[in-house]
Amino acid sequence: MSSYVLAVSGASALQLAERSIQLLLSNNHDLNLILSRAAYEVWQVERSIGVPTDPTQQESFWRQRLKVSTGTLTCHRWNNQAAAIASGSHPTAGMLIVPCSMGAVGRIAAGIATDLIERCADVHLKEGRPLVIAPREMPWNLIHLRNLTALAEAGARIAPPIPAWYTNPANLEEMIDFLVMRLFDTLGETLTEIPRWQGPPR
């Protein structure tokens, strides 16, 4: 069972985060989940979903909503920097921030850790562990580009969730699955339940 940190910042495209949670658990992984303070608000505005802030209640919420009983889920408050995952001595297989706001990108690039997400990202960089950042903004300005370049130079993988049309997705759910699959490919993690593209039809 691999252990991952999945962080969700206050950017759009929360469907990617929700599907990531579901697939990590259904693939029987150990998941540490962090929602930023803004993520709760975005989930309410974009999807009319009131996610509990209490960690125990939130764990039950995701289990019921996603209908998954496998894997291990630990939810963390966004400002709990005393959590075990805030220490480099706590082993993980990697961290994914999806979606990642440009505010979070800038603070992580500057080495500023104002919350648990930014602290965990800093830990993964300093420990040389995989850190995948899925920035959700368009267009990118020069500040965005420089911050993303600094993170790439520090060892992070930058994986913007850009749709692909060669798979001929039939609906939004198939597009979401493709994007989530590619994000976890970047971590070297193969998630079952998502069919792979086999090339163009003959």
N, C-alpha and C. Protein backbone atom coordinates (compact mmCIF):
# COMPACT_ATOMS: atom_id res chain seq x y z
N MET A 1 0.84 -1.19 0.00
CA MET A 1 0.00 0.00 0.00
C MET A 1 0.88 1.25 0.00
N SER A 2 0.81 2.06 -1.05
CA SER A 2 1.59 3.29 -1.12
C SER A 2 0.86 4.41 -0.39
N SER A 3 1.64 5.32 0.19
CA SER A 3 1.08 6.45 0.92
C SER A 3 1.29 7.73 0.11
N TYR A 4 0.20 8.46 -0.11
CA TYR A 4 0.26 9.70 -0.89
C TYR A 4 -0.37 10.85 -0.11
N VAL A 5 0.13 12.05 -0.39
CA VAL A 5 -0.51 13.27 0.08
C VAL A 5 -1.21 13.89 -1.12
N LEU A 6 -2.50 14.14 -0.99
CA LEU A 6 -3.27 14.81 -2.03
C LEU A 6 -3.76 16.13 -1.46
N ALA A 7 -3.34 17.22 -2.09
CA ALA A 7 -3.73 18.55 -1.62
C ALA A 7 -4.63 19.21 -2.65
N VAL A 8 -5.60 19.96 -2.16
CA VAL A 8 -6.57 20.63 -3.03
C VAL A 8 -6.59 22.10 -2.65
N SER A 9 -6.16 22.96 -3.57
CA SER A 9 -6.16 24.40 -3.28
C SER A 9 -7.45 25.02 -3.80
N GLY A 10 -7.58 26.32 -3.60
CA GLY A 10 -8.81 27.00 -3.96
C GLY A 10 -8.85 27.44 -5.41
N ALA A 11 -8.58 26.52 -6.33
CA ALA A 11 -8.67 26.81 -7.76
C ALA A 11 -9.83 26.02 -8.35
N SER A 12 -10.16 26.31 -9.59
CA SER A 12 -11.24 25.60 -10.26
C SER A 12 -10.77 24.20 -10.66
N ALA A 13 -11.71 23.36 -11.10
CA ALA A 13 -11.45 21.98 -11.53
C ALA A 13 -11.38 21.01 -10.36
N LEU A 14 -12.26 21.17 -9.38
CA LEU A 14 -12.27 20.30 -8.23
C LEU A 14 -12.73 18.88 -8.56
N GLN A 15 -13.36 18.71 -9.72
CA GLN A 15 -13.74 17.35 -10.15
C GLN A 15 -12.52 16.45 -10.27
N LEU A 16 -11.39 17.04 -10.65
CA LEU A 16 -10.15 16.26 -10.76
C LEU A 16 -9.71 15.76 -9.39
N ALA A 17 -9.85 16.60 -8.38
CA ALA A 17 -9.48 16.20 -7.03
C ALA A 17 -10.40 15.10 -6.52
N GLU A 18 -11.68 15.26 -6.75
CA GLU A 18 -12.65 14.28 -6.26
C GLU A 18 -12.42 12.91 -6.89
N ARG A 19 -12.17 12.88 -8.17
CA ARG A 19 -11.91 11.60 -8.84
C ARG A 19 -10.59 11.01 -8.36
N SER A 20 -9.61 11.85 -8.08
CA SER A 20 -8.33 11.36 -7.57
C SER A 20 -8.51 10.70 -6.21
N ILE A 21 -9.29 11.31 -5.34
CA ILE A 21 -9.58 10.71 -4.04
C ILE A 21 -10.20 9.33 -4.22
N GLN A 22 -11.21 9.27 -5.07
CA GLN A 22 -11.93 8.01 -5.28
C GLN A 22 -11.01 6.92 -5.81
N LEU A 23 -10.18 7.25 -6.79
CA LEU A 23 -9.33 6.24 -7.41
C LEU A 23 -8.20 5.80 -6.48
N LEU A 24 -7.62 6.72 -5.72
CA LEU A 24 -6.57 6.32 -4.78
C LEU A 24 -7.12 5.34 -3.75
N LEU A 25 -8.30 5.63 -3.24
CA LEU A 25 -8.88 4.75 -2.23
C LEU A 25 -9.32 3.42 -2.84
N SER A 26 -9.93 3.45 -4.00
CA SER A 26 -10.39 2.21 -4.62
C SER A 26 -9.22 1.33 -5.05
N ASN A 27 -8.03 1.95 -5.24
CA ASN A 27 -6.82 1.18 -5.53
C ASN A 27 -6.07 0.82 -4.25
N ASN A 28 -6.74 1.01 -3.11
CA ASN A 28 -6.26 0.55 -1.80
C ASN A 28 -4.99 1.25 -1.34
N HIS A 29 -4.90 2.55 -1.59
CA HIS A 29 -3.74 3.31 -1.14
C HIS A 29 -4.02 4.00 0.19
N ASP A 30 -2.96 4.45 0.81
CA ASP A 30 -3.03 5.25 2.04
C ASP A 30 -3.03 6.72 1.61
N LEU A 31 -4.12 7.43 1.89
CA LEU A 31 -4.29 8.79 1.39
C LEU A 31 -4.37 9.78 2.54
N ASN A 32 -3.50 10.78 2.50
CA ASN A 32 -3.59 11.94 3.39
C ASN A 32 -4.13 13.10 2.58
N LEU A 33 -5.29 13.60 2.96
CA LEU A 33 -5.99 14.61 2.18
C LEU A 33 -6.00 15.95 2.91
N ILE A 34 -5.63 17.00 2.16
CA ILE A 34 -5.64 18.36 2.71
C ILE A 34 -6.42 19.27 1.76
N LEU A 35 -7.43 19.93 2.27
CA LEU A 35 -8.13 20.97 1.52
C LEU A 35 -7.71 22.32 2.08
N SER A 36 -7.36 23.24 1.19
CA SER A 36 -7.03 24.59 1.66
C SER A 36 -8.30 25.28 2.16
N ARG A 37 -8.12 26.36 2.87
CA ARG A 37 -9.28 27.10 3.39
C ARG A 37 -10.18 27.55 2.24
N ALA A 38 -9.58 28.00 1.13
CA ALA A 38 -10.37 28.47 -0.01
C ALA A 38 -11.06 27.33 -0.74
N ALA A 39 -10.49 26.12 -0.68
CA ALA A 39 -11.07 24.98 -1.41
C ALA A 39 -12.48 24.68 -0.93
N TYR A 40 -12.72 24.82 0.37
CA TYR A 40 -14.07 24.58 0.88
C TYR A 40 -15.08 25.53 0.24
N GLU A 41 -14.68 26.79 0.09
CA GLU A 41 -15.56 27.78 -0.50
C GLU A 41 -15.80 27.50 -1.98
N VAL A 42 -14.73 27.13 -2.70
CA VAL A 42 -14.87 26.85 -4.13
C VAL A 42 -15.77 25.63 -4.35
N TRP A 43 -15.61 24.60 -3.51
CA TRP A 43 -16.46 23.42 -3.64
C TRP A 43 -17.93 23.80 -3.47
N GLN A 44 -18.21 24.71 -2.52
CA GLN A 44 -19.58 25.14 -2.28
C GLN A 44 -20.12 25.94 -3.47
N VAL A 45 -19.31 26.84 -4.00
CA VAL A 45 -19.75 27.71 -5.09
C VAL A 45 -19.89 26.96 -6.41
N GLU A 46 -18.87 26.16 -6.74
CA GLU A 46 -18.86 25.49 -8.04
C GLU A 46 -19.76 24.26 -8.11
N ARG A 47 -19.86 23.54 -6.99
CA ARG A 47 -20.54 22.25 -7.04
C ARG A 47 -21.66 22.11 -6.02
N SER A 48 -21.90 23.17 -5.25
CA SER A 48 -22.94 23.16 -4.21
C SER A 48 -22.73 22.01 -3.24
N ILE A 49 -21.47 21.76 -2.90
CA ILE A 49 -21.10 20.69 -1.98
C ILE A 49 -20.51 21.32 -0.72
N GLY A 50 -21.14 21.04 0.40
CA GLY A 50 -20.62 21.50 1.68
C GLY A 50 -19.74 20.44 2.31
N VAL A 51 -18.44 20.56 2.14
CA VAL A 51 -17.50 19.58 2.68
C VAL A 51 -17.23 19.90 4.15
N PRO A 52 -17.42 18.94 5.06
CA PRO A 52 -17.14 19.21 6.49
C PRO A 52 -15.68 19.56 6.72
N THR A 53 -15.43 20.48 7.63
CA THR A 53 -14.05 20.84 7.96
C THR A 53 -13.47 19.95 9.04
N ASP A 54 -14.32 19.34 9.86
CA ASP A 54 -13.84 18.42 10.89
C ASP A 54 -13.26 17.18 10.22
N PRO A 55 -12.02 16.80 10.54
CA PRO A 55 -11.37 15.69 9.84
C PRO A 55 -12.15 14.37 9.90
N THR A 56 -12.66 14.01 11.07
CA THR A 56 -13.39 12.75 11.19
C THR A 56 -14.67 12.77 10.37
N GLN A 57 -15.41 13.87 10.45
CA GLN A 57 -16.63 14.01 9.66
C GLN A 57 -16.33 14.02 8.17
N GLN A 58 -15.21 14.63 7.80
CA GLN A 58 -14.86 14.69 6.39
C GLN A 58 -14.50 13.30 5.85
N GLU A 59 -13.83 12.51 6.64
CA GLU A 59 -13.50 11.15 6.20
C GLU A 59 -14.78 10.36 5.91
N SER A 60 -15.77 10.47 6.79
CA SER A 60 -17.06 9.79 6.58
C SER A 60 -17.77 10.35 5.36
N PHE A 61 -17.67 11.66 5.19
CA PHE A 61 -18.31 12.33 4.05
C PHE A 61 -17.80 11.77 2.72
N TRP A 62 -16.47 11.66 2.59
CA TRP A 62 -15.91 11.18 1.32
C TRP A 62 -16.22 9.70 1.12
N ARG A 63 -16.18 8.93 2.16
CA ARG A 63 -16.50 7.51 2.03
C ARG A 63 -17.92 7.34 1.50
N GLN A 64 -18.85 8.08 2.05
CA GLN A 64 -20.26 7.96 1.65
C GLN A 64 -20.48 8.54 0.26
N ARG A 65 -19.89 9.69 0.00
CA ARG A 65 -20.11 10.35 -1.30
C ARG A 65 -19.52 9.54 -2.45
N LEU A 66 -18.33 9.00 -2.25
CA LEU A 66 -17.63 8.30 -3.31
C LEU A 66 -17.90 6.80 -3.31
N LYS A 67 -18.62 6.34 -2.29
CA LYS A 67 -19.00 4.91 -2.20
C LYS A 67 -17.78 4.00 -2.30
N VAL A 68 -16.79 4.28 -1.47
CA VAL A 68 -15.57 3.48 -1.47
C VAL A 68 -15.19 3.17 -0.03
N SER A 69 -14.92 1.90 0.24
CA SER A 69 -14.59 1.48 1.61
C SER A 69 -13.15 1.00 1.74
N THR A 70 -12.44 0.89 0.63
CA THR A 70 -11.06 0.40 0.66
C THR A 70 -10.08 1.54 0.89
N GLY A 71 -8.81 1.18 1.04
CA GLY A 71 -7.79 2.18 1.26
C GLY A 71 -7.87 2.79 2.66
N THR A 72 -6.93 3.66 2.95
CA THR A 72 -6.89 4.36 4.24
C THR A 72 -6.96 5.85 3.97
N LEU A 73 -7.92 6.54 4.60
CA LEU A 73 -8.11 7.96 4.38
C LEU A 73 -7.93 8.72 5.69
N THR A 74 -7.02 9.70 5.65
CA THR A 74 -6.83 10.60 6.78
C THR A 74 -6.96 12.03 6.27
N CYS A 75 -7.93 12.75 6.80
CA CYS A 75 -8.15 14.14 6.40
C CYS A 75 -7.49 15.06 7.43
N HIS A 76 -6.93 16.15 6.94
CA HIS A 76 -6.20 17.09 7.79
C HIS A 76 -6.77 18.50 7.65
N ARG A 77 -6.79 19.22 8.75
CA ARG A 77 -7.16 20.64 8.68
C ARG A 77 -6.08 21.40 7.93
N TRP A 78 -6.48 22.40 7.18
CA TRP A 78 -5.56 23.13 6.32
C TRP A 78 -4.44 23.81 7.09
N ASN A 79 -4.68 24.14 8.38
CA ASN A 79 -3.67 24.87 9.16
C ASN A 79 -2.99 24.01 10.21
N ASN A 80 -3.14 22.68 10.14
CA ASN A 80 -2.56 21.80 11.15
C ASN A 80 -1.12 21.43 10.78
N GLN A 81 -0.20 22.30 11.08
CA GLN A 81 1.19 22.03 10.74
C GLN A 81 1.88 21.12 11.75
N ALA A 82 1.10 20.62 12.73
CA ALA A 82 1.61 19.61 13.64
C ALA A 82 1.30 18.20 13.15
N ALA A 83 0.66 18.08 11.99
CA ALA A 83 0.34 16.77 11.43
C ALA A 83 1.62 16.01 11.10
N ALA A 84 1.55 14.69 11.15
CA ALA A 84 2.74 13.87 10.89
C ALA A 84 3.31 14.13 9.50
N ILE A 85 2.44 14.38 8.52
CA ILE A 85 2.90 14.58 7.15
C ILE A 85 3.66 15.90 6.97
N ALA A 86 3.64 16.76 8.01
CA ALA A 86 4.41 18.00 7.94
C ALA A 86 5.88 17.78 8.25
N SER A 87 6.25 16.55 8.59
CA SER A 87 7.63 16.24 8.92
C SER A 87 8.26 15.36 7.86
N GLY A 88 9.51 15.61 7.58
CA GLY A 88 10.24 14.79 6.62
C GLY A 88 10.46 13.38 7.09
N SER A 89 10.28 13.13 8.39
CA SER A 89 10.46 11.79 8.92
C SER A 89 9.25 10.89 8.65
N HIS A 90 8.17 11.47 8.13
CA HIS A 90 6.99 10.68 7.79
C HIS A 90 7.09 10.28 6.32
N PRO A 91 7.24 8.99 6.03
CA PRO A 91 7.48 8.57 4.63
C PRO A 91 6.22 8.63 3.78
N THR A 92 6.37 9.07 2.55
CA THR A 92 5.29 9.04 1.56
C THR A 92 5.88 8.66 0.21
N ALA A 93 5.00 8.22 -0.69
CA ALA A 93 5.44 7.90 -2.05
C ALA A 93 5.40 9.12 -2.94
N GLY A 94 4.78 10.21 -2.49
CA GLY A 94 4.70 11.41 -3.29
C GLY A 94 3.53 12.28 -2.90
N MET A 95 3.48 13.46 -3.49
CA MET A 95 2.42 14.44 -3.23
C MET A 95 1.93 15.02 -4.54
N LEU A 96 0.63 15.23 -4.59
CA LEU A 96 0.00 15.84 -5.75
C LEU A 96 -0.86 17.00 -5.28
N ILE A 97 -0.71 18.16 -5.91
CA ILE A 97 -1.57 19.31 -5.62
C ILE A 97 -2.45 19.53 -6.84
N VAL A 98 -3.75 19.22 -6.71
CA VAL A 98 -4.67 19.32 -7.82
C VAL A 98 -6.06 19.75 -7.34
N PRO A 99 -6.59 20.84 -7.85
CA PRO A 99 -5.88 21.83 -8.67
C PRO A 99 -4.98 22.68 -7.78
N CYS A 100 -4.02 23.34 -8.40
CA CYS A 100 -3.09 24.18 -7.65
C CYS A 100 -3.24 25.63 -8.11
N SER A 101 -3.60 26.50 -7.19
CA SER A 101 -3.75 27.92 -7.52
C SER A 101 -2.38 28.55 -7.72
N MET A 102 -2.35 29.65 -8.43
CA MET A 102 -1.08 30.34 -8.64
C MET A 102 -0.59 31.02 -7.37
N GLY A 103 -1.51 31.31 -6.44
CA GLY A 103 -1.07 31.81 -5.13
C GLY A 103 -0.26 30.77 -4.39
N ALA A 104 -0.75 29.51 -4.40
CA ALA A 104 -0.01 28.42 -3.77
C ALA A 104 1.32 28.18 -4.48
N VAL A 105 1.30 28.22 -5.82
CA VAL A 105 2.53 28.07 -6.59
C VAL A 105 3.57 29.10 -6.15
N GLY A 106 3.15 30.35 -6.04
CA GLY A 106 4.07 31.42 -5.68
C GLY A 106 4.66 31.26 -4.29
N ARG A 107 3.81 30.88 -3.33
CA ARG A 107 4.30 30.72 -1.96
C ARG A 107 5.25 29.53 -1.84
N ILE A 108 4.92 28.41 -2.50
CA ILE A 108 5.79 27.24 -2.44
C ILE A 108 7.13 27.56 -3.11
N ALA A 109 7.08 28.25 -4.25
CA ALA A 109 8.31 28.61 -4.96
C ALA A 109 9.20 29.53 -4.13
N ALA A 110 8.56 30.34 -3.27
CA ALA A 110 9.33 31.27 -2.43
C ALA A 110 9.76 30.64 -1.11
N GLY A 111 9.37 29.37 -0.88
CA GLY A 111 9.74 28.71 0.37
C GLY A 111 8.91 29.17 1.55
N ILE A 112 7.72 29.72 1.28
CA ILE A 112 6.84 30.21 2.34
C ILE A 112 5.78 29.16 2.63
N ALA A 113 5.66 28.76 3.88
CA ALA A 113 4.70 27.72 4.27
C ALA A 113 3.69 28.30 5.25
N THR A 114 2.61 28.85 4.73
CA THR A 114 1.58 29.45 5.59
C THR A 114 0.53 28.44 6.01
N ASP A 115 0.49 27.28 5.37
CA ASP A 115 -0.49 26.26 5.76
C ASP A 115 0.12 24.87 5.55
N LEU A 116 -0.67 23.83 5.80
CA LEU A 116 -0.15 22.46 5.74
C LEU A 116 0.19 22.05 4.31
N ILE A 117 -0.58 22.54 3.33
CA ILE A 117 -0.28 22.20 1.94
C ILE A 117 1.12 22.68 1.56
N GLU A 118 1.38 23.94 1.86
CA GLU A 118 2.67 24.52 1.48
C GLU A 118 3.82 23.87 2.26
N ARG A 119 3.58 23.54 3.53
CA ARG A 119 4.60 22.86 4.32
C ARG A 119 4.90 21.48 3.76
N CYS A 120 3.86 20.72 3.42
CA CYS A 120 4.07 19.38 2.86
C CYS A 120 4.80 19.45 1.52
N ALA A 121 4.46 20.44 0.70
CA ALA A 121 5.16 20.61 -0.57
C ALA A 121 6.64 20.88 -0.33
N ASP A 122 6.92 21.74 0.65
CA ASP A 122 8.31 22.05 0.98
C ASP A 122 9.05 20.80 1.47
N VAL A 123 8.36 19.98 2.27
CA VAL A 123 8.95 18.74 2.76
C VAL A 123 9.30 17.81 1.60
N HIS A 124 8.38 17.67 0.64
CA HIS A 124 8.65 16.77 -0.48
C HIS A 124 9.82 17.26 -1.33
N LEU A 125 9.93 18.57 -1.47
CA LEU A 125 11.06 19.11 -2.23
C LEU A 125 12.37 18.88 -1.49
N LYS A 126 12.39 19.18 -0.19
CA LYS A 126 13.65 19.06 0.56
C LYS A 126 14.08 17.61 0.74
N GLU A 127 13.09 16.69 0.76
CA GLU A 127 13.41 15.27 0.91
C GLU A 127 13.65 14.59 -0.44
N GLY A 128 13.48 15.32 -1.53
CA GLY A 128 13.69 14.74 -2.85
C GLY A 128 12.62 13.75 -3.25
N ARG A 129 11.42 13.91 -2.72
CA ARG A 129 10.31 13.02 -3.06
C ARG A 129 9.49 13.62 -4.19
N PRO A 130 8.74 12.78 -4.90
CA PRO A 130 7.94 13.29 -6.01
C PRO A 130 6.90 14.32 -5.55
N LEU A 131 6.87 15.45 -6.22
CA LEU A 131 5.86 16.48 -6.01
C LEU A 131 5.32 16.87 -7.38
N VAL A 132 4.03 16.65 -7.58
CA VAL A 132 3.39 16.97 -8.85
C VAL A 132 2.43 18.13 -8.61
N ILE A 133 2.58 19.17 -9.40
CA ILE A 133 1.74 20.36 -9.27
C ILE A 133 0.91 20.51 -10.54
N ALA A 134 -0.42 20.58 -10.36
CA ALA A 134 -1.34 20.73 -11.49
C ALA A 134 -1.93 22.15 -11.46
N PRO A 135 -1.23 23.12 -12.05
CA PRO A 135 -1.69 24.51 -11.98
C PRO A 135 -2.93 24.74 -12.83
N ARG A 136 -3.86 25.51 -12.26
CA ARG A 136 -5.12 25.78 -12.96
C ARG A 136 -5.27 27.30 -13.13
N GLU A 137 -4.74 27.79 -14.21
CA GLU A 137 -4.84 29.21 -14.54
C GLU A 137 -4.56 29.37 -16.02
N MET A 138 -5.17 30.37 -16.62
CA MET A 138 -4.93 30.60 -18.05
C MET A 138 -5.37 32.01 -18.41
N PRO A 139 -4.50 32.78 -19.05
CA PRO A 139 -3.12 32.46 -19.46
C PRO A 139 -2.16 32.62 -18.28
N TRP A 140 -0.93 32.14 -18.48
CA TRP A 140 0.11 32.32 -17.47
C TRP A 140 0.85 33.62 -17.76
N ASN A 141 1.04 34.44 -16.72
CA ASN A 141 1.86 35.63 -16.91
C ASN A 141 3.31 35.32 -16.58
N LEU A 142 4.17 36.30 -16.70
CA LEU A 142 5.60 36.06 -16.51
C LEU A 142 5.91 35.63 -15.08
N ILE A 143 5.18 36.18 -14.10
CA ILE A 143 5.39 35.78 -12.70
C ILE A 143 5.04 34.31 -12.53
N HIS A 144 3.90 33.88 -13.11
CA HIS A 144 3.52 32.47 -13.04
C HIS A 144 4.61 31.58 -13.63
N LEU A 145 5.09 31.96 -14.81
CA LEU A 145 6.10 31.16 -15.49
C LEU A 145 7.39 31.06 -14.68
N ARG A 146 7.81 32.16 -14.09
CA ARG A 146 9.03 32.14 -13.30
C ARG A 146 8.86 31.29 -12.04
N ASN A 147 7.70 31.39 -11.40
CA ASN A 147 7.45 30.57 -10.20
C ASN A 147 7.42 29.08 -10.56
N LEU A 148 6.76 28.74 -11.65
CA LEU A 148 6.70 27.34 -12.08
C LEU A 148 8.08 26.83 -12.48
N THR A 149 8.87 27.69 -13.12
CA THR A 149 10.24 27.31 -13.47
C THR A 149 11.07 27.05 -12.22
N ALA A 150 10.90 27.91 -11.20
CA ALA A 150 11.64 27.72 -9.95
C ALA A 150 11.27 26.39 -9.30
N LEU A 151 10.00 26.03 -9.34
CA LEU A 151 9.56 24.76 -8.76
C LEU A 151 10.12 23.57 -9.56
N ALA A 152 10.11 23.70 -10.89
CA ALA A 152 10.67 22.63 -11.72
C ALA A 152 12.16 22.46 -11.45
N GLU A 153 12.86 23.58 -11.28
CA GLU A 153 14.29 23.51 -10.99
C GLU A 153 14.55 22.89 -9.62
N ALA A 154 13.58 23.04 -8.70
CA ALA A 154 13.73 22.49 -7.36
C ALA A 154 13.35 21.01 -7.30
N GLY A 155 12.80 20.48 -8.41
CA GLY A 155 12.49 19.06 -8.45
C GLY A 155 11.04 18.70 -8.63
N ALA A 156 10.15 19.69 -8.64
CA ALA A 156 8.72 19.40 -8.83
C ALA A 156 8.43 19.09 -10.29
N ARG A 157 7.38 18.31 -10.52
CA ARG A 157 6.89 18.07 -11.87
C ARG A 157 5.67 18.96 -12.08
N ILE A 158 5.67 19.71 -13.17
CA ILE A 158 4.57 20.61 -13.48
C ILE A 158 3.67 19.92 -14.50
N ALA A 159 2.43 19.66 -14.11
CA ALA A 159 1.52 18.88 -14.96
C ALA A 159 0.17 19.59 -15.07
N PRO A 160 0.08 20.63 -15.89
CA PRO A 160 -1.21 21.31 -16.04
C PRO A 160 -2.24 20.37 -16.64
N PRO A 161 -3.45 20.36 -16.10
CA PRO A 161 -4.49 19.44 -16.60
C PRO A 161 -5.07 19.91 -17.94
N ILE A 162 -4.33 19.62 -19.00
CA ILE A 162 -4.73 20.05 -20.35
C ILE A 162 -5.45 18.89 -21.04
N PRO A 163 -6.68 19.10 -21.48
CA PRO A 163 -7.43 18.01 -22.13
C PRO A 163 -6.76 17.53 -23.41
N ALA A 164 -6.98 16.27 -23.73
CA ALA A 164 -6.51 15.69 -24.99
C ALA A 164 -7.73 15.21 -25.78
N TRP A 165 -7.72 15.47 -27.07
CA TRP A 165 -8.88 15.11 -27.88
C TRP A 165 -8.66 13.85 -28.71
N TYR A 166 -7.41 13.36 -28.76
CA TYR A 166 -7.14 12.18 -29.59
C TYR A 166 -7.79 10.91 -29.05
N THR A 167 -8.21 10.95 -27.77
CA THR A 167 -8.89 9.79 -27.19
C THR A 167 -10.38 9.76 -27.54
N ASN A 168 -10.86 10.84 -28.18
CA ASN A 168 -12.28 10.96 -28.53
C ASN A 168 -13.18 10.74 -27.32
N PRO A 169 -13.04 11.56 -26.27
CA PRO A 169 -13.87 11.38 -25.08
C PRO A 169 -15.34 11.57 -25.41
N ALA A 170 -16.16 10.68 -24.85
CA ALA A 170 -17.60 10.74 -25.12
C ALA A 170 -18.31 11.70 -24.17
N ASN A 171 -17.69 12.00 -23.03
CA ASN A 171 -18.33 12.87 -22.05
C ASN A 171 -17.28 13.48 -21.14
N LEU A 172 -17.73 14.34 -20.22
CA LEU A 172 -16.81 15.01 -19.31
C LEU A 172 -16.13 14.02 -18.38
N GLU A 173 -16.84 12.98 -17.97
CA GLU A 173 -16.28 11.99 -17.06
C GLU A 173 -15.06 11.29 -17.69
N GLU A 174 -15.15 10.97 -18.97
CA GLU A 174 -14.01 10.33 -19.64
C GLU A 174 -12.82 11.28 -19.73
N MET A 175 -13.09 12.57 -19.94
CA MET A 175 -12.01 13.55 -19.98
C MET A 175 -11.35 13.69 -18.62
N ILE A 176 -12.16 13.71 -17.56
CA ILE A 176 -11.62 13.79 -16.20
C ILE A 176 -10.74 12.58 -15.91
N ASP A 177 -11.22 11.39 -16.28
CA ASP A 177 -10.44 10.18 -16.05
C ASP A 177 -9.09 10.23 -16.76
N PHE A 178 -9.10 10.72 -18.00
CA PHE A 178 -7.84 10.81 -18.75
C PHE A 178 -6.86 11.75 -18.04
N LEU A 179 -7.35 12.90 -17.58
CA LEU A 179 -6.49 13.87 -16.92
C LEU A 179 -5.94 13.32 -15.61
N VAL A 180 -6.79 12.66 -14.83
CA VAL A 180 -6.34 12.08 -13.56
C VAL A 180 -5.31 10.99 -13.82
N MET A 181 -5.56 10.15 -14.80
CA MET A 181 -4.61 9.09 -15.15
C MET A 181 -3.25 9.68 -15.48
N ARG A 182 -3.23 10.74 -16.29
CA ARG A 182 -1.96 11.34 -16.69
C ARG A 182 -1.25 12.00 -15.51
N LEU A 183 -2.01 12.58 -14.58
CA LEU A 183 -1.40 13.17 -13.39
C LEU A 183 -0.67 12.10 -12.58
N PHE A 184 -1.31 10.95 -12.41
CA PHE A 184 -0.69 9.90 -11.60
C PHE A 184 0.38 9.14 -12.38
N ASP A 185 0.31 9.16 -13.70
CA ASP A 185 1.44 8.66 -14.49
C ASP A 185 2.71 9.42 -14.12
N THR A 186 2.56 10.72 -13.87
CA THR A 186 3.71 11.55 -13.52
C THR A 186 4.33 11.12 -12.20
N LEU A 187 3.51 10.52 -11.33
CA LEU A 187 4.00 10.00 -10.05
C LEU A 187 4.48 8.56 -10.17
N GLY A 188 4.32 7.98 -11.36
CA GLY A 188 4.70 6.60 -11.54
C GLY A 188 3.68 5.63 -10.98
N GLU A 189 2.44 6.11 -10.79
CA GLU A 189 1.38 5.30 -10.20
C GLU A 189 0.32 4.98 -11.25
N THR A 190 0.09 3.69 -11.48
CA THR A 190 -0.94 3.26 -12.42
C THR A 190 -2.23 2.98 -11.66
N LEU A 191 -3.28 3.70 -12.01
CA LEU A 191 -4.57 3.51 -11.36
C LEU A 191 -5.45 2.62 -12.23
N THR A 192 -5.97 1.56 -11.64
CA THR A 192 -6.90 0.71 -12.38
C THR A 192 -8.23 1.43 -12.52
N GLU A 193 -9.11 0.87 -13.29
CA GLU A 193 -10.46 1.38 -13.55
C GLU A 193 -10.48 2.38 -14.70
N ILE A 194 -9.32 2.86 -15.13
CA ILE A 194 -9.30 3.81 -16.24
C ILE A 194 -8.68 3.12 -17.45
N PRO A 195 -9.42 2.95 -18.53
CA PRO A 195 -8.85 2.30 -19.71
C PRO A 195 -7.79 3.16 -20.37
N ARG A 196 -6.76 2.51 -20.89
CA ARG A 196 -5.67 3.20 -21.57
C ARG A 196 -5.99 3.37 -23.05
N TRP A 197 -5.47 4.46 -23.61
CA TRP A 197 -5.61 4.68 -25.03
C TRP A 197 -4.74 3.65 -25.77
N GLN A 198 -5.30 2.98 -26.73
CA GLN A 198 -4.62 1.92 -27.47
C GLN A 198 -4.19 2.33 -28.88
N GLY A 199 -4.24 3.61 -29.13
CA GLY A 199 -3.89 4.09 -30.47
C GLY A 199 -5.15 4.28 -31.32
N PRO A 200 -4.99 4.91 -32.47
CA PRO A 200 -6.16 5.16 -33.33
C PRO A 200 -6.75 3.84 -33.84
N PRO A 201 -8.06 3.82 -34.05
CA PRO A 201 -8.70 2.59 -34.56
C PRO A 201 -8.15 2.23 -35.94
N ARG A 202 -8.02 0.93 -36.19
CA ARG A 202 -7.49 0.47 -37.48
C ARG A 202 -8.63 0.35 -38.49
